[in-house]
Amino acid sequence: MLRPSEDVDVYLYSDPVDMRKSINGLSIIVEQSMMLPTNSGALFVFCNRGRDKIKILCWERNGFIVWYKRLE
């Protein structure tokens, strides 16, 4: 289970996102729409239209990580 430390910033993108997007597509949203640096160590959370799937994008030392979860 993902348990970030208390000092990690978490940003929720409020618009629905196509869950077919991967690292490149999500990082473009962060940089262009949210105007935030992707390599800051923050967690960027994206939801689909039905709000039953989420993706979390994070930069960790030497590359990106994407977590995907389907909510029941």
Protein backbone atom coordinates (compact mmCIF):
# COMPACT_ATOMS: atom_id res chain seq x y z
CA MET A 1 0.00 0.00 0.00
CA LEU A 2 1.21 3.49 -0.85
CA ARG A 3 1.86 5.58 2.26
CA PRO A 4 3.61 8.84 1.41
CA SER A 5 5.28 10.81 4.16
CA GLU A 6 3.44 13.76 5.66
CA ASP A 7 5.62 16.34 3.89
CA VAL A 8 4.77 15.12 0.36
CA ASP A 9 2.53 17.45 -1.65
CA VAL A 10 -0.51 15.83 -3.29
CA TYR A 11 -2.26 17.50 -6.22
CA LEU A 12 -5.66 16.33 -7.50
CA TYR A 13 -6.46 17.14 -11.13
CA SER A 14 -10.18 17.92 -11.00
CA ASP A 15 -11.10 17.27 -14.66
CA PRO A 16 -11.73 13.68 -15.83
CA VAL A 17 -8.77 12.05 -17.57
CA ASP A 18 -8.69 9.34 -20.21
CA MET A 19 -7.24 6.34 -18.33
CA ARG A 20 -5.43 5.22 -21.50
CA LYS A 21 -2.91 7.99 -20.81
CA SER A 22 0.40 6.81 -19.45
CA ILE A 23 3.46 8.61 -18.09
CA ASN A 24 3.96 10.93 -21.07
CA GLY A 25 0.32 12.00 -21.31
CA LEU A 26 -0.07 12.54 -17.57
CA SER A 27 3.19 14.49 -17.29
CA ILE A 28 2.05 16.81 -20.09
CA ILE A 29 -1.13 17.54 -18.11
CA VAL A 30 0.94 18.34 -15.02
CA GLU A 31 3.33 20.64 -16.86
CA GLN A 32 0.90 22.41 -19.21
CA SER A 33 -2.48 22.42 -17.46
CA MET A 34 -1.41 22.44 -13.82
CA MET A 35 1.79 24.42 -14.50
CA LEU A 36 3.79 22.38 -11.98
CA PRO A 37 7.16 20.63 -12.30
CA THR A 38 6.80 16.87 -12.67
CA ASN A 39 10.09 16.09 -10.97
CA SER A 40 9.26 17.78 -7.65
CA GLY A 41 8.53 14.53 -5.80
CA ALA A 42 4.86 15.46 -5.41
CA LEU A 43 2.03 13.03 -6.11
CA PHE A 44 -0.33 13.93 -8.95
CA VAL A 45 -3.72 12.19 -8.79
CA PHE A 46 -6.00 11.74 -11.81
CA CYS A 47 -9.52 10.27 -11.98
CA ASN A 48 -11.70 9.05 -14.83
CA ARG A 49 -15.17 10.42 -15.59
CA GLY A 50 -16.92 7.78 -13.45
CA ARG A 51 -14.53 8.44 -10.52
CA ASP A 52 -13.99 4.70 -10.14
CA LYS A 53 -10.41 4.60 -11.45
CA ILE A 54 -7.40 6.62 -10.35
CA LYS A 55 -3.83 7.03 -11.52
CA ILE A 56 -1.08 8.58 -9.44
CA LEU A 57 2.04 9.98 -11.10
CA CYS A 58 5.23 10.51 -9.12
CA TRP A 59 8.91 11.18 -9.83
CA GLU A 60 11.28 9.07 -7.74
CA ARG A 61 15.06 9.69 -7.92
CA ASN A 62 15.68 8.39 -11.44
CA GLY A 63 12.31 8.00 -13.13
CA PHE A 64 8.54 8.16 -13.06
CA ILE A 65 6.16 5.81 -11.28
CA VAL A 66 2.48 5.40 -12.17
CA TRP A 67 0.09 3.66 -9.81
CA TYR A 68 -3.29 2.60 -11.16
CA LYS A 69 -6.24 1.52 -9.06
CA ARG A 70 -9.82 0.53 -9.84
CA LEU A 71 -12.11 1.46 -6.95
CA GLU A 72 -14.89 -0.94 -6.02
